[in-house]
C-alpha atoms as a PDB file:
ATOM      1  CA  MET A   1      10.414  11.183 -14.407  1.00  0.00           C
ATOM      2  CA  SER A   2       8.198  13.708 -12.600  1.00  0.00           C
ATOM      3  CA  THR A   3       6.031  16.206 -14.377  1.00  0.00           C
ATOM      4  CA  PRO A   4       6.326  20.012 -13.777  1.00  0.00           C
ATOM      5  CA  SER A   5       2.989  19.888 -11.912  1.00  0.00           C
ATOM      6  CA  TYR A   6       4.186  17.161  -9.693  1.00  0.00           C
ATOM      7  CA  GLN A   7       7.450  19.013  -9.051  1.00  0.00           C
ATOM      8  CA  ARG A   8       5.354  22.076  -7.958  1.00  0.00           C
ATOM      9  CA  GLN A   9       3.344  19.726  -5.702  1.00  0.00           C
ATOM     10  CA  VAL A  10       6.577  18.481  -4.033  1.00  0.00           C
ATOM     11  CA  GLU A  11       7.668  22.149  -3.724  1.00  0.00           C
ATOM     12  CA  LEU A  12       4.477  22.816  -1.849  1.00  0.00           C
ATOM     13  CA  TYR A  13       5.006  19.778   0.434  1.00  0.00           C
ATOM     14  CA  TYR A  14       8.503  20.994   1.030  1.00  0.00           C
ATOM     15  CA  ARG A  15       7.476  24.433   2.064  1.00  0.00           C
ATOM     16  CA  GLU A  16       4.731  23.126   4.265  1.00  0.00           C
ATOM     17  CA  ASN A  17       6.633  20.137   5.877  1.00  0.00           C
ATOM     18  CA  HIS A  18      10.334  20.644   5.671  1.00  0.00           C
ATOM     19  CA  GLY A  19      10.721  22.537   8.892  1.00  0.00           C
ATOM     20  CA  TRP A  20       9.046  19.905  11.123  1.00  0.00           C
ATOM     21  CA  ILE A  21      10.746  17.095   9.338  1.00  0.00           C
ATOM     22  CA  ARG A  22      14.137  18.660   9.911  1.00  0.00           C
ATOM     23  CA  ALA A  23      13.279  19.446  13.600  1.00  0.00           C
ATOM     24  CA  TRP A  24      12.054  15.826  14.199  1.00  0.00           C
ATOM     25  CA  LEU A  25      15.223  14.479  12.558  1.00  0.00           C
ATOM     26  CA  ASN A  26      17.419  16.791  14.508  1.00  0.00           C
ATOM     27  CA  ARG A  27      15.791  15.551  17.878  1.00  0.00           C
ATOM     28  CA  LYS A  28      16.376  11.884  16.800  1.00  0.00           C
ATOM     29  CA  LEU A  29      19.850  12.337  15.498  1.00  0.00           C
ATOM     30  CA  GLY A  30      21.142  15.172  17.739  1.00  0.00           C
ATOM     31  CA  ASN A  31      22.904  16.693  14.767  1.00  0.00           C
ATOM     32  CA  ALA A  32      21.411  19.571  12.920  1.00  0.00           C
ATOM     33  CA  SER A  33      23.748  19.018   9.828  1.00  0.00           C
ATOM     34  CA  ASP A  34      22.744  15.370   9.408  1.00  0.00           C
ATOM     35  CA  ALA A  35      19.141  16.312  10.059  1.00  0.00           C
ATOM     36  CA  ALA A  36      19.071  18.925   7.331  1.00  0.00           C
ATOM     37  CA  ASP A  37      20.832  16.380   4.847  1.00  0.00           C
ATOM     38  CA  LEU A  38      18.314  13.678   5.644  1.00  0.00           C
ATOM     39  CA  ALA A  39      15.241  16.155   5.517  1.00  0.00           C
ATOM     40  CA  HIS A  40      16.346  17.009   1.940  1.00  0.00           C
ATOM     41  CA  ASP A  41      16.717  13.229   1.152  1.00  0.00           C
ATOM     42  CA  VAL A  42      13.095  12.778   2.109  1.00  0.00           C
ATOM     43  CA  PHE A  43      12.075  15.120  -0.641  1.00  0.00           C
ATOM     44  CA  VAL A  44      14.638  13.749  -3.127  1.00  0.00           C
ATOM     45  CA  ARG A  45      12.929  10.413  -2.610  1.00  0.00           C
ATOM     46  CA  LEU A  46       9.537  11.849  -3.006  1.00  0.00           C
ATOM     47  CA  LEU A  47      10.638  13.383  -6.375  1.00  0.00           C
ATOM     48  CA  SER A  48      12.324  10.261  -7.469  1.00  0.00           C
ATOM     49  CA  LYS A  49       9.255   8.028  -6.844  1.00  0.00           C
ATOM     50  CA  PRO A  50       6.158  10.133  -7.506  1.00  0.00           C
ATOM     51  CA  ARG A  51       3.104   9.553  -5.413  1.00  0.00           C
ATOM     52  CA  THR A  52      -0.243  11.081  -5.143  1.00  0.00           C
ATOM     53  CA  PHE A  53      -2.008  11.771  -1.832  1.00  0.00           C
ATOM     54  CA  ASP A  54      -5.780  11.953  -1.016  1.00  0.00           C
ATOM     55  CA  ASN A  55      -5.243  14.982   1.324  1.00  0.00           C
ATOM     56  CA  GLU A  56      -2.670  16.876   3.304  1.00  0.00           C
ATOM     57  CA  SER A  57      -2.921  14.505   6.373  1.00  0.00           C
ATOM     58  CA  HIS A  58      -2.243  11.622   4.070  1.00  0.00           C
ATOM     59  CA  ALA A  59       0.865  13.451   2.591  1.00  0.00           C
ATOM     60  CA  ARG A  60       2.064  14.275   6.033  1.00  0.00           C
ATOM     61  CA  ALA A  61       1.689  10.666   7.358  1.00  0.00           C
ATOM     62  CA  TYR A  62       3.669   9.496   4.265  1.00  0.00           C
ATOM     63  CA  LEU A  63       6.380  12.017   4.871  1.00  0.00           C
ATOM     64  CA  SER A  64       6.548  11.205   8.534  1.00  0.00           C
ATOM     65  CA  GLY A  65       7.050   7.525   7.623  1.00  0.00           C
ATOM     66  CA  MET A  66       9.631   8.262   5.019  1.00  0.00           C
ATOM     67  CA  SER A  67      11.467  10.474   7.568  1.00  0.00           C
ATOM     68  CA  ARG A  68      11.471   7.453   9.951  1.00  0.00           C
ATOM     69  CA  ASN A  69      12.941   5.247   7.182  1.00  0.00           C
ATOM     70  CA  VAL A  70      15.749   7.718   6.226  1.00  0.00           C
ATOM     71  CA  CYS A  71      16.560   7.943   9.963  1.00  0.00           C
ATOM     72  CA  VAL A  72      16.796   4.115  10.197  1.00  0.00           C
ATOM     73  CA  ASP A  73      18.854   3.985   7.001  1.00  0.00           C
ATOM     74  CA  PHE A  74      21.210   6.591   8.530  1.00  0.00           C
ATOM     75  CA  TRP A  75      21.731   4.534  11.731  1.00  0.00           C
ATOM     76  CA  ARG A  76      22.319   1.377   9.824  1.00  0.00           C
ATOM     77  CA  ARG A  77      24.901   3.143   7.617  1.00  0.00           C
ATOM     78  CA  ARG A  78      26.602   4.423  10.797  1.00  0.00           C
ATOM     79  CA  GLN A  79      26.662   0.909  12.291  1.00  0.00           C
ATOM     80  CA  VAL A  80      28.339  -0.485   9.202  1.00  0.00           C
ATOM     81  CA  GLU A  81      30.817   2.427   9.148  1.00  0.00           C
ATOM     82  CA  GLN A  82      31.703   1.907  12.877  1.00  0.00           C
ATOM     83  CA  ALA A  83      32.230  -1.754  12.372  1.00  0.00           C
ATOM     84  CA  TRP A  84      34.457  -1.091   9.283  1.00  0.00           C
ATOM     85  CA  LEU A  85      36.485   1.553  11.390  1.00  0.00           C
ATOM     86  CA  GLU A  86      36.813  -1.013  14.329  1.00  0.00           C
ATOM     87  CA  VAL A  87      38.333  -3.500  11.781  1.00  0.00           C
ATOM     88  CA  LEU A  88      40.639  -0.914  10.365  1.00  0.00           C
ATOM     89  CA  ALA A  89      41.798   0.052  13.859  1.00  0.00           C
ATOM     90  CA  THR A  90      43.052  -3.570  14.323  1.00  0.00           C
ATOM     91  CA  ARG A  91      45.242  -3.432  11.218  1.00  0.00           C
ATOM     92  CA  PRO A  92      48.782  -2.154  11.133  1.00  0.00           C
ATOM     93  CA  GLU A  93      49.115   1.285   9.775  1.00  0.00           C
ATOM     94  CA  ALA A  94      51.292   0.158   6.921  1.00  0.00           C
ATOM     95  CA  PHE A  95      48.403  -1.972   5.610  1.00  0.00           C
ATOM     96  CA  ALA A  96      45.825   0.787   5.841  1.00  0.00           C
ATOM     97  CA  PRO A  97      43.921   1.134   2.646  1.00  0.00           C
ATOM     98  CA  SER A  98      43.851   4.587   0.744  1.00  0.00           C
ATOM     99  CA  GLU A  99      40.963   6.887   1.658  1.00  0.00           C
ATOM    100  CA  GLU A 100      39.418   6.190  -1.864  1.00  0.00           C
ATOM    101  CA  HIS A 101      39.597   2.459  -1.167  1.00  0.00           C
ATOM    102  CA  ARG A 102      38.167   2.808   2.258  1.00  0.00           C
ATOM    103  CA  LEU A 103      35.227   4.790   0.874  1.00  0.00           C
ATOM    104  CA  LEU A 104      34.511   2.122  -1.845  1.00  0.00           C
ATOM    105  CA  VAL A 105      34.635  -0.612   0.722  1.00  0.00           C
ATOM    106  CA  LEU A 106      32.391   1.245   3.081  1.00  0.00           C
ATOM    107  CA  GLU A 107      29.808   1.870   0.215  1.00  0.00           C
ATOM    108  CA  ALA A 108      30.045  -1.793  -0.736  1.00  0.00           C
ATOM    109  CA  LEU A 109      29.450  -2.919   2.809  1.00  0.00           C
ATOM    110  CA  GLN A 110      26.528  -0.579   3.287  1.00  0.00           C
ATOM    111  CA  GLN A 111      24.893  -1.912   0.229  1.00  0.00           C
ATOM    112  CA  VAL A 112      25.505  -5.638   1.336  1.00  0.00           C
ATOM    113  CA  HIS A 113      24.181  -4.718   4.709  1.00  0.00           C
ATOM    114  CA  ALA A 114      21.020  -3.161   3.113  1.00  0.00           C
ATOM    115  CA  MET A 115      20.517  -6.188   0.934  1.00  0.00           C
ATOM    116  CA  LEU A 116      20.744  -8.451   3.939  1.00  0.00           C
ATOM    117  CA  CYS A 117      18.250  -6.350   5.872  1.00  0.00           C
ATOM    118  CA  ARG A 118      15.801  -6.722   3.017  1.00  0.00           C
ATOM    119  CA  LEU A 119      15.989 -10.455   2.993  1.00  0.00           C
ATOM    120  CA  PRO A 120      13.550 -12.553   5.004  1.00  0.00           C
ATOM    121  CA  THR A 121      15.173 -13.426   8.469  1.00  0.00           C
ATOM    122  CA  LYS A 122      15.773 -17.121   7.790  1.00  0.00           C
ATOM    123  CA  VAL A 123      17.250 -16.426   4.384  1.00  0.00           C
ATOM    124  CA  ALA A 124      19.712 -13.925   5.868  1.00  0.00           C
ATOM    125  CA  GLU A 125      20.586 -16.194   8.745  1.00  0.00           C
ATOM    126  CA  ALA A 126      21.196 -19.101   6.533  1.00  0.00           C
ATOM    127  CA  PHE A 127      23.345 -17.028   4.180  1.00  0.00           C
ATOM    128  CA  LEU A 128      25.422 -15.675   7.032  1.00  0.00           C
ATOM    129  CA  LEU A 129      25.838 -19.084   8.722  1.00  0.00           C
ATOM    130  CA  ALA A 130      27.162 -20.508   5.406  1.00  0.00           C
ATOM    131  CA  GLN A 131      29.393 -17.591   4.401  1.00  0.00           C
ATOM    132  CA  LEU A 132      30.626 -16.357   7.734  1.00  0.00           C
ATOM    133  CA  HIS A 133      30.598 -19.467   9.780  1.00  0.00           C
ATOM    134  CA  GLY A 134      31.254 -22.033   7.122  1.00  0.00           C
ATOM    135  CA  LEU A 135      28.374 -24.210   8.158  1.00  0.00           C
ATOM    136  CA  GLY A 136      27.037 -26.878   5.841  1.00  0.00           C
ATOM    137  CA  TYR A 137      23.359 -27.022   4.786  1.00  0.00           C
ATOM    138  CA  LYS A 138      22.581 -29.782   7.216  1.00  0.00           C
ATOM    139  CA  ASP A 139      23.905 -27.893  10.282  1.00  0.00           C
ATOM    140  CA  ILE A 140      22.207 -24.706   9.162  1.00  0.00           C
ATOM    141  CA  ALA A 141      18.906 -26.581   8.787  1.00  0.00           C
ATOM    142  CA  GLN A 142      19.310 -27.983  12.321  1.00  0.00           C
ATOM    143  CA  ARG A 143      20.065 -24.512  13.695  1.00  0.00           C
ATOM    144  CA  LEU A 144      17.146 -23.004  11.935  1.00  0.00           C
ATOM    145  CA  GLY A 145      14.705 -25.815  12.474  1.00  0.00           C
ATOM    146  CA  VAL A 146      13.917 -26.264   8.688  1.00  0.00           C
ATOM    147  CA  SER A 147      14.705 -28.898   6.079  1.00  0.00           C
ATOM    148  CA  GLU A 148      18.001 -28.962   4.060  1.00  0.00           C
ATOM    149  CA  ARG A 149      15.872 -28.222   0.976  1.00  0.00           C
ATOM    150  CA  SER A 150      14.630 -25.131   2.570  1.00  0.00           C
ATOM    151  CA  VAL A 151      18.277 -24.076   3.337  1.00  0.00           C
ATOM    152  CA  THR A 152      19.105 -24.654  -0.342  1.00  0.00           C
ATOM    153  CA  ARG A 153      16.289 -22.416  -1.373  1.00  0.00           C
ATOM    154  CA  TYR A 154      17.357 -19.841   1.132  1.00  0.00           C
ATOM    155  CA  ILE A 155      20.974 -19.701  -0.040  1.00  0.00           C
ATOM    156  CA  ALA A 156      19.839 -19.735  -3.601  1.00  0.00           C
ATOM    157  CA  ASP A 157      17.669 -16.651  -2.832  1.00  0.00           C
ATOM    158  CA  ALA A 158      20.444 -14.863  -1.096  1.00  0.00           C
ATOM    159  CA  MET A 159      22.968 -15.619  -3.771  1.00  0.00           C
ATOM    160  CA  PHE A 160      20.545 -14.208  -6.397  1.00  0.00           C
ATOM    161  CA  GLN A 161      20.323 -11.013  -4.394  1.00  0.00           C
ATOM    162  CA  CYS A 162      24.061 -10.979  -4.237  1.00  0.00           C
ATOM    163  CA  LEU A 163      24.269 -11.263  -8.089  1.00  0.00           C
ATOM    164  CA  LEU A 164      21.825  -8.455  -8.445  1.00  0.00           C
ATOM    165  CA  LEU A 165      23.838  -6.294  -6.102  1.00  0.00           C
ATOM    166  CA  GLU A 166      27.033  -7.142  -7.979  1.00  0.00           C
ATOM    167  CA  ALA A 167      25.397  -6.215 -11.243  1.00  0.00           C
ATOM    168  CA  GLU A 168      24.222  -2.947  -9.669  1.00  0.00           C
ATOM    169  CA  LEU A 169      27.736  -2.191  -8.307  1.00  0.00           C
ATOM    170  CA  ASP A 170      29.279  -2.963 -11.671  1.00  0.00           C
ATOM    171  CA  GLU A 171      27.021  -0.708 -13.502  1.00  0.00           C
ATOM    172  CA  ALA A 172      27.671   2.131 -10.959  1.00  0.00           C
ATOM    173  CA  LEU A 173      31.395   1.730 -11.544  1.00  0.00           C
ATOM    174  CA  ALA A 174      30.943   1.651 -15.394  1.00  0.00           C
END
């Protein structure tokens, strides 16, 4: 929880930096509304995870990096959303899910995608080869150039992250 003095400091950072962050995001996204939303997200993140800075240039560098991160997150969410919409377009209209169901599935897909992006590359690859392509550990090991034991560890790591995500999703729905 942030203290009143920290909140005042973030308010100062907001006044001094919000304009250039919003303008930078607008140039990257080409959409003023999305840029405004993401610029606010930068400061919400700063409030939710308090940090101290040595000086103004350190704060500005941190805010710049955070702005890039929210932009990358935004594009990743858009990619997942576009893929989901393409899948829905191939389905007969009679089988189309309700708008609420679509939003729930999209949110879950975005969280799974974010989880996969956080995994080390070989762990994510092994998991996807097993889950999406149905490959056995021996085949995965050959494709990745690692031992079957490594594949076992990779899959276990990925499954553990899936369990954590499932628990997080269950908690959010409760």
